[in-house]
Amino acid sequence: MFDSIDDWLIIAVVAGILFYGSSKIPQLAHSLGRSMGEFKRGRLEVERELKAEQAAAASNAPTAAGRSP
């Protein structure tokens, strides 16, 4: 009966309407959208920092390898 994700999505929407009422659903969707946007921005920022650190490490690696102790 509940084999696909579509069935569960319909049940979740109906449960959400029952628990929160139809007036709260747009507010919840707005909050969820904002949260997802913040998460994506944070993830991109971390990825940029990692790439910058990797580039810095790659540019310093030949210099450190060329030196004799």
PDB file of N, CA and C in Angstrom:
ATOM      1  N   MET A   1       0.819  -1.196   0.000  1.00  0.00           N
ATOM      2  CA  MET A   1       0.000   0.000   0.000  1.00  0.00           C
ATOM      3  C   MET A   1       0.859   1.254   0.000  1.00  0.00           C
ATOM      4  N   PHE A   2       1.901   1.276   0.817  1.00  0.00           N
ATOM      5  CA  PHE A   2       2.769   2.440   0.887  1.00  0.00           C
ATOM      6  C   PHE A   2       4.137   2.087   0.330  1.00  0.00           C
ATOM      7  N   ASP A   3       4.155   1.729  -0.938  1.00  0.00           N
ATOM      8  CA  ASP A   3       5.391   1.260  -1.554  1.00  0.00           C
ATOM      9  C   ASP A   3       6.264   2.392  -2.082  1.00  0.00           C
ATOM     10  N   SER A   4       5.677   3.473  -2.524  1.00  0.00           N
ATOM     11  CA  SER A   4       6.481   4.521  -3.136  1.00  0.00           C
ATOM     12  C   SER A   4       6.590   5.745  -2.221  1.00  0.00           C
ATOM     13  N   ILE A   5       7.521   6.579  -2.555  1.00  0.00           N
ATOM     14  CA  ILE A   5       7.749   7.809  -1.786  1.00  0.00           C
ATOM     15  C   ILE A   5       6.574   8.775  -1.945  1.00  0.00           C
ATOM     16  N   ASP A   6       5.877   8.679  -3.068  1.00  0.00           N
ATOM     17  CA  ASP A   6       4.725   9.553  -3.295  1.00  0.00           C
ATOM     18  C   ASP A   6       3.620   9.295  -2.274  1.00  0.00           C
ATOM     19  N   ASP A   7       3.410   8.035  -1.948  1.00  0.00           N
ATOM     20  CA  ASP A   7       2.387   7.705  -0.945  1.00  0.00           C
ATOM     21  C   ASP A   7       2.744   8.313   0.406  1.00  0.00           C
ATOM     22  N   TRP A   8       4.009   8.199   0.788  1.00  0.00           N
ATOM     23  CA  TRP A   8       4.447   8.749   2.074  1.00  0.00           C
ATOM     24  C   TRP A   8       4.392  10.271   2.071  1.00  0.00           C
ATOM     25  N   LEU A   9       4.683  10.882   0.924  1.00  0.00           N
ATOM     26  CA  LEU A   9       4.610  12.344   0.823  1.00  0.00           C
ATOM     27  C   LEU A   9       3.180  12.833   1.012  1.00  0.00           C
ATOM     28  N   ILE A  10       2.235  12.138   0.428  1.00  0.00           N
ATOM     29  CA  ILE A  10       0.825  12.510   0.593  1.00  0.00           C
ATOM     30  C   ILE A  10       0.411  12.377   2.054  1.00  0.00           C
ATOM     31  N   ILE A  11       0.837  11.301   2.691  1.00  0.00           N
ATOM     32  CA  ILE A  11       0.506  11.112   4.108  1.00  0.00           C
ATOM     33  C   ILE A  11       1.129  12.215   4.953  1.00  0.00           C
ATOM     34  N   ALA A  12       2.370  12.603   4.638  1.00  0.00           N
ATOM     35  CA  ALA A  12       3.038  13.656   5.399  1.00  0.00           C
ATOM     36  C   ALA A  12       2.319  14.999   5.229  1.00  0.00           C
ATOM     37  N   VAL A  13       1.871  15.297   4.025  1.00  0.00           N
ATOM     38  CA  VAL A  13       1.148  16.551   3.790  1.00  0.00           C
ATOM     39  C   VAL A  13      -0.168  16.563   4.555  1.00  0.00           C
ATOM     40  N   VAL A  14      -0.899  15.472   4.497  1.00  0.00           N
ATOM     41  CA  VAL A  14      -2.175  15.392   5.222  1.00  0.00           C
ATOM     42  C   VAL A  14      -1.943  15.516   6.721  1.00  0.00           C
ATOM     43  N   ALA A  15      -0.915  14.834   7.241  1.00  0.00           N
ATOM     44  CA  ALA A  15      -0.602  14.935   8.673  1.00  0.00           C
ATOM     45  C   ALA A  15      -0.195  16.352   9.043  1.00  0.00           C
ATOM     46  N   GLY A  16       0.564  16.998   8.182  1.00  0.00           N
ATOM     47  CA  GLY A  16       0.963  18.378   8.439  1.00  0.00           C
ATOM     48  C   GLY A  16      -0.227  19.318   8.502  1.00  0.00           C
ATOM     49  N   ILE A  17      -1.167  19.129   7.607  1.00  0.00           N
ATOM     50  CA  ILE A  17      -2.370  19.968   7.625  1.00  0.00           C
ATOM     51  C   ILE A  17      -3.177  19.711   8.890  1.00  0.00           C
ATOM     52  N   LEU A  18      -3.269  18.454   9.300  1.00  0.00           N
ATOM     53  CA  LEU A  18      -4.016  18.136  10.516  1.00  0.00           C
ATOM     54  C   LEU A  18      -3.351  18.712  11.762  1.00  0.00           C
ATOM     55  N   PHE A  19      -2.030  18.613  11.841  1.00  0.00           N
ATOM     56  CA  PHE A  19      -1.331  19.077  13.036  1.00  0.00           C
ATOM     57  C   PHE A  19      -1.170  20.596  13.088  1.00  0.00           C
ATOM     58  N   TYR A  20      -0.835  21.206  11.961  1.00  0.00           N
ATOM     59  CA  TYR A  20      -0.501  22.629  11.957  1.00  0.00           C
ATOM     60  C   TYR A  20      -1.613  23.515  11.426  1.00  0.00           C
ATOM     61  N   GLY A  21      -2.534  22.977  10.725  1.00  0.00           N
ATOM     62  CA  GLY A  21      -3.589  23.780  10.134  1.00  0.00           C
ATOM     63  C   GLY A  21      -3.125  24.385   8.827  1.00  0.00           C
ATOM     64  N   SER A  22      -4.041  24.747   8.003  1.00  0.00           N
ATOM     65  CA  SER A  22      -3.687  25.238   6.677  1.00  0.00           C
ATOM     66  C   SER A  22      -3.030  26.613   6.715  1.00  0.00           C
ATOM     67  N   SER A  23      -3.224  27.381   7.772  1.00  0.00           N
ATOM     68  CA  SER A  23      -2.619  28.714   7.822  1.00  0.00           C
ATOM     69  C   SER A  23      -1.130  28.663   8.151  1.00  0.00           C
ATOM     70  N   LYS A  24      -0.669  27.621   8.809  1.00  0.00           N
ATOM     71  CA  LYS A  24       0.737  27.527   9.199  1.00  0.00           C
ATOM     72  C   LYS A  24       1.620  26.899   8.120  1.00  0.00           C
ATOM     73  N   ILE A  25       1.033  26.207   7.160  1.00  0.00           N
ATOM     74  CA  ILE A  25       1.810  25.506   6.137  1.00  0.00           C
ATOM     75  C   ILE A  25       2.686  26.464   5.329  1.00  0.00           C
ATOM     76  N   PRO A  26       2.188  27.609   4.841  1.00  0.00           N
ATOM     77  CA  PRO A  26       3.078  28.521   4.104  1.00  0.00           C
ATOM     78  C   PRO A  26       4.229  29.042   4.965  1.00  0.00           C
ATOM     79  N   GLN A  27       3.976  29.284   6.235  1.00  0.00           N
ATOM     80  CA  GLN A  27       5.050  29.744   7.124  1.00  0.00           C
ATOM     81  C   GLN A  27       6.109  28.658   7.286  1.00  0.00           C
ATOM     82  N   LEU A  28       5.680  27.421   7.434  1.00  0.00           N
ATOM     83  CA  LEU A  28       6.621  26.315   7.560  1.00  0.00           C
ATOM     84  C   LEU A  28       7.441  26.143   6.277  1.00  0.00           C
ATOM     85  N   ALA A  29       6.803  26.269   5.139  1.00  0.00           N
ATOM     86  CA  ALA A  29       7.511  26.137   3.863  1.00  0.00           C
ATOM     87  C   ALA A  29       8.536  27.258   3.701  1.00  0.00           C
ATOM     88  N   HIS A  30       8.157  28.461   4.099  1.00  0.00           N
ATOM     89  CA  HIS A  30       9.073  29.597   4.028  1.00  0.00           C
ATOM     90  C   HIS A  30      10.283  29.370   4.937  1.00  0.00           C
ATOM     91  N   SER A  31      10.051  28.909   6.132  1.00  0.00           N
ATOM     92  CA  SER A  31      11.138  28.634   7.076  1.00  0.00           C
ATOM     93  C   SER A  31      12.049  27.519   6.554  1.00  0.00           C
ATOM     94  N   LEU A  32      11.456  26.496   5.983  1.00  0.00           N
ATOM     95  CA  LEU A  32      12.235  25.400   5.428  1.00  0.00           C
ATOM     96  C   LEU A  32      13.099  25.883   4.265  1.00  0.00           C
ATOM     97  N   GLY A  33      12.548  26.709   3.403  1.00  0.00           N
ATOM     98  CA  GLY A  33      13.311  27.265   2.283  1.00  0.00           C
ATOM     99  C   GLY A  33      14.479  28.119   2.753  1.00  0.00           C
ATOM    100  N   ARG A  34      14.239  28.934   3.754  1.00  0.00           N
ATOM    101  CA  ARG A  34      15.322  29.757   4.314  1.00  0.00           C
ATOM    102  C   ARG A  34      16.412  28.891   4.911  1.00  0.00           C
ATOM    103  N   SER A  35      16.021  27.874   5.644  1.00  0.00           N
ATOM    104  CA  SER A  35      16.993  26.975   6.274  1.00  0.00           C
ATOM    105  C   SER A  35      17.839  26.265   5.225  1.00  0.00           C
ATOM    106  N   MET A  36      17.203  25.813   4.166  1.00  0.00           N
ATOM    107  CA  MET A  36      17.946  25.143   3.101  1.00  0.00           C
ATOM    108  C   MET A  36      18.918  26.102   2.427  1.00  0.00           C
ATOM    109  N   GLY A  37      18.508  27.339   2.236  1.00  0.00           N
ATOM    110  CA  GLY A  37      19.394  28.344   1.646  1.00  0.00           C
ATOM    111  C   GLY A  37      20.601  28.616   2.524  1.00  0.00           C
ATOM    112  N   GLU A  38      20.385  28.741   3.817  1.00  0.00           N
ATOM    113  CA  GLU A  38      21.495  28.956   4.753  1.00  0.00           C
ATOM    114  C   GLU A  38      22.447  27.763   4.737  1.00  0.00           C
ATOM    115  N   PHE A  39      21.901  26.565   4.697  1.00  0.00           N
ATOM    116  CA  PHE A  39      22.734  25.365   4.657  1.00  0.00           C
ATOM    117  C   PHE A  39      23.591  25.337   3.400  1.00  0.00           C
ATOM    118  N   LYS A  40      22.995  25.654   2.259  1.00  0.00           N
ATOM    119  CA  LYS A  40      23.741  25.651   0.998  1.00  0.00           C
ATOM    120  C   LYS A  40      24.841  26.706   1.013  1.00  0.00           C
ATOM    121  N   ARG A  41      24.540  27.892   1.536  1.00  0.00           N
ATOM    122  CA  ARG A  41      25.565  28.940   1.616  1.00  0.00           C
ATOM    123  C   ARG A  41      26.718  28.503   2.510  1.00  0.00           C
ATOM    124  N   GLY A  42      26.404  27.904   3.642  1.00  0.00           N
ATOM    125  CA  GLY A  42      27.440  27.423   4.544  1.00  0.00           C
ATOM    126  C   GLY A  42      28.287  26.336   3.918  1.00  0.00           C
ATOM    127  N   ARG A  43      27.641  25.425   3.209  1.00  0.00           N
ATOM    128  CA  ARG A  43      28.367  24.347   2.547  1.00  0.00           C
ATOM    129  C   ARG A  43      29.303  24.897   1.476  1.00  0.00           C
ATOM    130  N   LEU A  44      28.830  25.851   0.684  1.00  0.00           N
ATOM    131  CA  LEU A  44      29.674  26.443  -0.349  1.00  0.00           C
ATOM    132  C   LEU A  44      30.858  27.182   0.261  1.00  0.00           C
ATOM    133  N   GLU A  45      30.629  27.858   1.377  1.00  0.00           N
ATOM    134  CA  GLU A  45      31.708  28.572   2.050  1.00  0.00           C
ATOM    135  C   GLU A  45      32.786  27.598   2.537  1.00  0.00           C
ATOM    136  N   VAL A  46      32.371  26.495   3.120  1.00  0.00           N
ATOM    137  CA  VAL A  46      33.331  25.493   3.584  1.00  0.00           C
ATOM    138  C   VAL A  46      34.087  24.888   2.408  1.00  0.00           C
ATOM    139  N   GLU A  47      33.399  24.609   1.314  1.00  0.00           N
ATOM    140  CA  GLU A  47      34.064  24.064   0.127  1.00  0.00           C
ATOM    141  C   GLU A  47      35.099  25.038  -0.413  1.00  0.00           C
ATOM    142  N   ARG A  48      34.765  26.347  -0.449  1.00  0.00           N
ATOM    143  CA  ARG A  48      35.727  27.352  -0.909  1.00  0.00           C
ATOM    144  C   ARG A  48      36.954  27.396  -0.011  1.00  0.00           C
ATOM    145  N   GLU A  49      36.737  27.329   1.299  1.00  0.00           N
ATOM    146  CA  GLU A  49      37.861  27.354   2.234  1.00  0.00           C
ATOM    147  C   GLU A  49      38.754  26.131   2.055  1.00  0.00           C
ATOM    148  N   LEU A  50      38.147  24.966   1.859  1.00  0.00           N
ATOM    149  CA  LEU A  50      38.936  23.754   1.653  1.00  0.00           C
ATOM    150  C   LEU A  50      39.756  23.831   0.367  1.00  0.00           C
ATOM    151  N   LYS A  51      39.152  24.335  -0.703  1.00  0.00           N
ATOM    152  CA  LYS A  51      39.877  24.468  -1.965  1.00  0.00           C
ATOM    153  C   LYS A  51      41.026  25.454  -1.819  1.00  0.00           C
ATOM    154  N   ALA A  52      40.810  26.549  -1.087  1.00  0.00           N
ATOM    155  CA  ALA A  52      41.871  27.533  -0.886  1.00  0.00           C
ATOM    156  C   ALA A  52      43.012  26.918  -0.081  1.00  0.00           C
ATOM    157  N   GLU A  53      42.687  26.145   0.935  1.00  0.00           N
ATOM    158  CA  GLU A  53      43.726  25.491   1.737  1.00  0.00           C
ATOM    159  C   GLU A  53      44.477  24.452   0.913  1.00  0.00           C
ATOM    160  N   GLN A  54      43.776  23.715   0.069  1.00  0.00           N
ATOM    161  CA  GLN A  54      44.435  22.718  -0.773  1.00  0.00           C
ATOM    162  C   GLN A  54      45.347  23.399  -1.787  1.00  0.00           C
ATOM    163  N   ALA A  55      44.905  24.517  -2.346  1.00  0.00           N
ATOM    164  CA  ALA A  55      45.729  25.246  -3.301  1.00  0.00           C
ATOM    165  C   ALA A  55      46.969  25.814  -2.610  1.00  0.00           C
ATOM    166  N   ALA A  56      46.809  26.316  -1.397  1.00  0.00           N
ATOM    167  CA  ALA A  56      47.948  26.839  -0.652  1.00  0.00           C
ATOM    168  C   ALA A  56      48.922  25.719  -0.305  1.00  0.00           C
ATOM    169  N   ALA A  57      48.394  24.574   0.074  1.00  0.00           N
ATOM    170  CA  ALA A  57      49.264  23.438   0.404  1.00  0.00           C
ATOM    171  C   ALA A  57      49.985  22.934  -0.836  1.00  0.00           C
ATOM    172  N   ALA A  58      49.312  22.936  -1.970  1.00  0.00           N
ATOM    173  CA  ALA A  58      49.926  22.475  -3.214  1.00  0.00           C
ATOM    174  C   ALA A  58      51.012  23.439  -3.675  1.00  0.00           C
ATOM    175  N   SER A  59      50.822  24.732  -3.470  1.00  0.00           N
ATOM    176  CA  SER A  59      51.833  25.693  -3.891  1.00  0.00           C
ATOM    177  C   SER A  59      53.025  25.697  -2.946  1.00  0.00           C
ATOM    178  N   ASN A  60      52.840  25.318  -1.688  1.00  0.00           N
ATOM    179  CA  ASN A  60      53.937  25.260  -0.719  1.00  0.00           C
ATOM    180  C   ASN A  60      54.668  23.930  -0.764  1.00  0.00           C
ATOM    181  N   ALA A  61      54.096  22.894  -1.304  1.00  0.00           N
ATOM    182  CA  ALA A  61      54.684  21.562  -1.292  1.00  0.00           C
ATOM    183  C   ALA A  61      56.000  21.506  -2.086  1.00  0.00           C
ATOM    184  N   PRO A  62      56.098  22.050  -3.300  1.00  0.00           N
ATOM    185  CA  PRO A  62      57.375  21.971  -4.026  1.00  0.00           C
ATOM    186  C   PRO A  62      58.490  22.746  -3.321  1.00  0.00           C
ATOM    187  N   THR A  63      58.148  23.855  -2.698  1.00  0.00           N
ATOM    188  CA  THR A  63      59.145  24.655  -1.992  1.00  0.00           C
ATOM    189  C   THR A  63      59.706  23.876  -0.810  1.00  0.00           C
ATOM    190  N   ALA A  64      58.858  23.230  -0.051  1.00  0.00           N
ATOM    191  CA  ALA A  64      59.297  22.475   1.109  1.00  0.00           C
ATOM    192  C   ALA A  64      60.060  21.221   0.681  1.00  0.00           C
ATOM    193  N   ALA A  65      59.713  20.626  -0.429  1.00  0.00           N
ATOM    194  CA  ALA A  65      60.377  19.401  -0.883  1.00  0.00           C
ATOM    195  C   ALA A  65      61.752  19.722  -1.469  1.00  0.00           C
ATOM    196  N   GLY A  66      61.932  20.900  -1.989  1.00  0.00           N
ATOM    197  CA  GLY A  66      63.203  21.275  -2.609  1.00  0.00           C
ATOM    198  C   GLY A  66      64.276  21.642  -1.608  1.00  0.00           C
ATOM    199  N   ARG A  67      63.956  21.922  -0.383  1.00  0.00           N
ATOM    200  CA  ARG A  67      64.922  22.302   0.631  1.00  0.00           C
ATOM    201  C   ARG A  67      65.622  21.084   1.224  1.00  0.00           C
ATOM    202  N   SER A  68      66.859  21.278   1.638  1.00  0.00           N
ATOM    203  CA  SER A  68      67.573  20.226   2.369  1.00  0.00           C
ATOM    204  C   SER A  68      67.597  20.591   3.842  1.00  0.00           C
ATOM    205  N   PRO A  69      67.417  19.621   4.702  1.00  0.00           N
ATOM    206  CA  PRO A  69      67.428  19.945   6.145  1.00  0.00           C
ATOM    207  C   PRO A  69      68.811  20.201   6.668  1.00  0.00           C
TER     208      PRO A  69
END
